[in-house]
Amino acid sequence: MKSILGIGNALTDILALLEDDSLLREYHLPKGSMQHVDKETGNKIWSSIRRMGVQYVAGGSAGNTITGTAVFGMPSGFIGKVGDDELGSLYKSDQERNGIKSMLLKGV
C-alpha cells in the first residue's frame, strides 16, 4: 500500500459552539471562513469564547489532510514544529491517536 507524508504548520484549532452568529457579525467574520486577525481582535474574540467552553484539536491544512488519510487507513506521516508546552503535547497525542507517525520538532 502507498503511504503519504505531510509537512506543514502544526497549528492547534480552538473550537467553540456558538449559540448564534452575533459574534461572527461583530468581528466581520464570514461564516465558514478562516480569517487572520490582529492580536487585539484575537484577544477580544478569545475573551468572548473562552467562557463558552472550547475544545483544542490538532489542525493546520497539512495536519488535517494527513489525519484524514490516516483515518481512512492509509499509512500516514507528518513533519512539523510544535512548542515544548501543553499544546505541543496535545498535537502529538492527537496524531498518535489517529495512527500518524510524526516527527514533531520542538521549538519555543
C-alpha atoms as a PDB file:
ATOM      1  CA  MET A   1       0.000   0.000   0.000  1.00  0.00           C
ATOM      2  CA  LYS A   2       1.187   3.511  -0.761  1.00  0.00           C
ATOM      3  CA  SER A   3       1.831   5.927   2.079  1.00  0.00           C
ATOM      4  CA  ILE A   4       1.738   9.699   2.410  1.00  0.00           C
ATOM      5  CA  LEU A   5       3.840  12.280   4.238  1.00  0.00           C
ATOM      6  CA  GLY A   6       2.670  15.791   5.094  1.00  0.00           C
ATOM      7  CA  ILE A   7       4.995  18.642   6.003  1.00  0.00           C
ATOM      8  CA  GLY A   8       3.423  21.791   7.376  1.00  0.00           C
ATOM      9  CA  ASN A   9       2.464  24.075  10.208  1.00  0.00           C
ATOM     10  CA  ALA A  10       1.406  22.172  13.316  1.00  0.00           C
ATOM     11  CA  LEU A  11      -1.412  24.502  14.312  1.00  0.00           C
ATOM     12  CA  THR A  12      -3.919  23.994  17.096  1.00  0.00           C
ATOM     13  CA  ASP A  13      -7.530  24.797  16.308  1.00  0.00           C
ATOM     14  CA  ILE A  14      -9.809  26.149  19.020  1.00  0.00           C
ATOM     15  CA  LEU A  15     -13.421  25.058  18.553  1.00  0.00           C
ATOM     16  CA  ALA A  16     -16.347  26.817  20.205  1.00  0.00           C
ATOM     17  CA  LEU A  17     -20.045  26.138  19.764  1.00  0.00           C
ATOM     18  CA  LEU A  18     -21.769  29.478  19.170  1.00  0.00           C
ATOM     19  CA  GLU A  19     -25.419  29.993  20.067  1.00  0.00           C
ATOM     20  CA  ASP A  20     -25.930  32.300  17.085  1.00  0.00           C
ATOM     21  CA  ASP A  21     -23.976  34.338  14.510  1.00  0.00           C
ATOM     22  CA  SER A  22     -23.737  37.557  16.569  1.00  0.00           C
ATOM     23  CA  LEU A  23     -20.034  37.097  17.395  1.00  0.00           C
ATOM     24  CA  LEU A  24     -19.262  36.480  13.725  1.00  0.00           C
ATOM     25  CA  ARG A  25     -21.126  39.640  12.743  1.00  0.00           C
ATOM     26  CA  GLU A  26     -19.467  41.690  15.498  1.00  0.00           C
ATOM     27  CA  TYR A  27     -15.981  40.870  14.188  1.00  0.00           C
ATOM     28  CA  HIS A  28     -16.925  40.727  10.487  1.00  0.00           C
ATOM     29  CA  LEU A  29     -16.053  37.022  10.219  1.00  0.00           C
ATOM     30  CA  PRO A  30     -17.744  35.282   7.281  1.00  0.00           C
ATOM     31  CA  LYS A  31     -19.379  32.020   8.332  1.00  0.00           C
ATOM     32  CA  GLY A  32     -17.304  29.002   7.329  1.00  0.00           C
ATOM     33  CA  SER A  33     -14.154  31.014   6.690  1.00  0.00           C
ATOM     34  CA  MET A  34     -10.672  31.251   8.155  1.00  0.00           C
ATOM     35  CA  GLN A  35      -9.600  34.799   8.935  1.00  0.00           C
ATOM     36  CA  HIS A  36      -6.363  36.304  10.160  1.00  0.00           C
ATOM     37  CA  VAL A  37      -6.913  38.921  12.855  1.00  0.00           C
ATOM     38  CA  ASP A  38      -4.577  41.225  14.743  1.00  0.00           C
ATOM     39  CA  LYS A  39      -3.580  40.497  18.335  1.00  0.00           C
ATOM     40  CA  GLU A  40      -6.089  42.958  19.828  1.00  0.00           C
ATOM     41  CA  THR A  41      -9.012  41.447  17.892  1.00  0.00           C
ATOM     42  CA  GLY A  42      -7.821  37.926  18.696  1.00  0.00           C
ATOM     43  CA  ASN A  43      -7.752  38.743  22.406  1.00  0.00           C
ATOM     44  CA  LYS A  44     -11.278  40.183  22.237  1.00  0.00           C
ATOM     45  CA  ILE A  45     -12.589  37.094  20.445  1.00  0.00           C
ATOM     46  CA  TRP A  46     -10.809  34.835  22.952  1.00  0.00           C
ATOM     47  CA  SER A  47     -12.405  36.752  25.846  1.00  0.00           C
ATOM     48  CA  SER A  48     -15.814  36.116  24.293  1.00  0.00           C
ATOM     49  CA  ILE A  49     -15.428  32.403  23.567  1.00  0.00           C
ATOM     50  CA  ARG A  50     -13.313  31.028  26.410  1.00  0.00           C
ATOM     51  CA  ARG A  51     -16.200  31.153  28.879  1.00  0.00           C
ATOM     52  CA  MET A  52     -18.354  29.120  26.455  1.00  0.00           C
ATOM     53  CA  GLY A  53     -16.108  26.106  26.833  1.00  0.00           C
ATOM     54  CA  VAL A  54     -13.745  25.348  23.992  1.00  0.00           C
ATOM     55  CA  GLN A  55     -12.097  22.284  22.525  1.00  0.00           C
ATOM     56  CA  TYR A  56      -8.499  22.182  21.289  1.00  0.00           C
ATOM     57  CA  VAL A  57      -7.684  19.927  18.333  1.00  0.00           C
ATOM     58  CA  ALA A  58      -4.630  19.415  16.160  1.00  0.00           C
ATOM     59  CA  GLY A  59      -5.040  21.352  12.941  1.00  0.00           C
ATOM     60  CA  GLY A  60      -3.305  23.058  10.065  1.00  0.00           C
ATOM     61  CA  SER A  61      -4.029  22.222   6.444  1.00  0.00           C
ATOM     62  CA  ALA A  62      -1.303  19.572   6.085  1.00  0.00           C
ATOM     63  CA  GLY A  63      -2.082  18.113   9.514  1.00  0.00           C
ATOM     64  CA  ASN A  64      -5.806  17.928   8.769  1.00  0.00           C
ATOM     65  CA  THR A  65      -5.147  16.270   5.416  1.00  0.00           C
ATOM     66  CA  ILE A  66      -2.851  13.682   6.992  1.00  0.00           C
ATOM     67  CA  THR A  67      -5.410  12.990   9.721  1.00  0.00           C
ATOM     68  CA  GLY A  68      -7.976  12.316   7.001  1.00  0.00           C
ATOM     69  CA  THR A  69      -5.707   9.906   5.137  1.00  0.00           C
ATOM     70  CA  ALA A  70      -4.826   8.086   8.370  1.00  0.00           C
ATOM     71  CA  VAL A  71      -8.468   7.778   9.418  1.00  0.00           C
ATOM     72  CA  PHE A  72      -9.224   6.209   6.027  1.00  0.00           C
ATOM     73  CA  GLY A  73      -6.471   3.634   6.561  1.00  0.00           C
ATOM     74  CA  MET A  74      -3.536   4.967   4.562  1.00  0.00           C
ATOM     75  CA  PRO A  75      -0.157   4.784   6.319  1.00  0.00           C
ATOM     76  CA  SER A  76       0.483   8.458   7.073  1.00  0.00           C
ATOM     77  CA  GLY A  77       3.274  10.605   8.470  1.00  0.00           C
ATOM     78  CA  PHE A  78       3.665  14.244   9.376  1.00  0.00           C
ATOM     79  CA  ILE A  79       6.607  16.589   9.949  1.00  0.00           C
ATOM     80  CA  GLY A  80       6.057  19.876  11.742  1.00  0.00           C
ATOM     81  CA  LYS A  81       7.202  22.041  14.613  1.00  0.00           C
ATOM     82  CA  VAL A  82       5.422  22.335  17.961  1.00  0.00           C
ATOM     83  CA  GLY A  83       6.062  24.224  21.157  1.00  0.00           C
ATOM     84  CA  ASP A  84       7.508  22.440  24.161  1.00  0.00           C
ATOM     85  CA  ASP A  85       4.260  23.013  26.029  1.00  0.00           C
ATOM     86  CA  GLU A  86       0.761  21.673  26.636  1.00  0.00           C
ATOM     87  CA  LEU A  87      -0.425  22.441  23.093  1.00  0.00           C
ATOM     88  CA  GLY A  88       2.606  20.678  21.611  1.00  0.00           C
ATOM     89  CA  SER A  89       1.782  17.614  23.713  1.00  0.00           C
ATOM     90  CA  LEU A  90      -1.853  17.798  22.612  1.00  0.00           C
ATOM     91  CA  TYR A  91      -0.774  17.899  18.968  1.00  0.00           C
ATOM     92  CA  LYS A  92       1.443  14.850  19.424  1.00  0.00           C
ATOM     93  CA  SER A  93      -1.226  12.842  21.265  1.00  0.00           C
ATOM     94  CA  ASP A  94      -3.891  13.673  18.639  1.00  0.00           C
ATOM     95  CA  GLN A  95      -1.596  12.420  15.899  1.00  0.00           C
ATOM     96  CA  GLU A  96      -0.707   9.251  17.824  1.00  0.00           C
ATOM     97  CA  ARG A  97      -4.400   8.555  18.491  1.00  0.00           C
ATOM     98  CA  ASN A  98      -5.042   8.727  14.744  1.00  0.00           C
ATOM     99  CA  GLY A  99      -2.143   6.377  13.913  1.00  0.00           C
ATOM    100  CA  ILE A 100       0.046   9.064  12.338  1.00  0.00           C
ATOM    101  CA  LYS A 101       3.804   8.589  12.520  1.00  0.00           C
ATOM    102  CA  SER A 102       5.009  12.069  13.375  1.00  0.00           C
ATOM    103  CA  MET A 103       8.316  13.866  13.533  1.00  0.00           C
ATOM    104  CA  LEU A 104       7.496  16.910  15.615  1.00  0.00           C
ATOM    105  CA  LEU A 105      10.391  19.299  16.080  1.00  0.00           C
ATOM    106  CA  LYS A 106      10.371  21.230  19.362  1.00  0.00           C
ATOM    107  CA  GLY A 107      10.508  25.000  19.311  1.00  0.00           C
ATOM    108  CA  VAL A 108       9.885  27.906  21.600  1.00  0.00           C
END
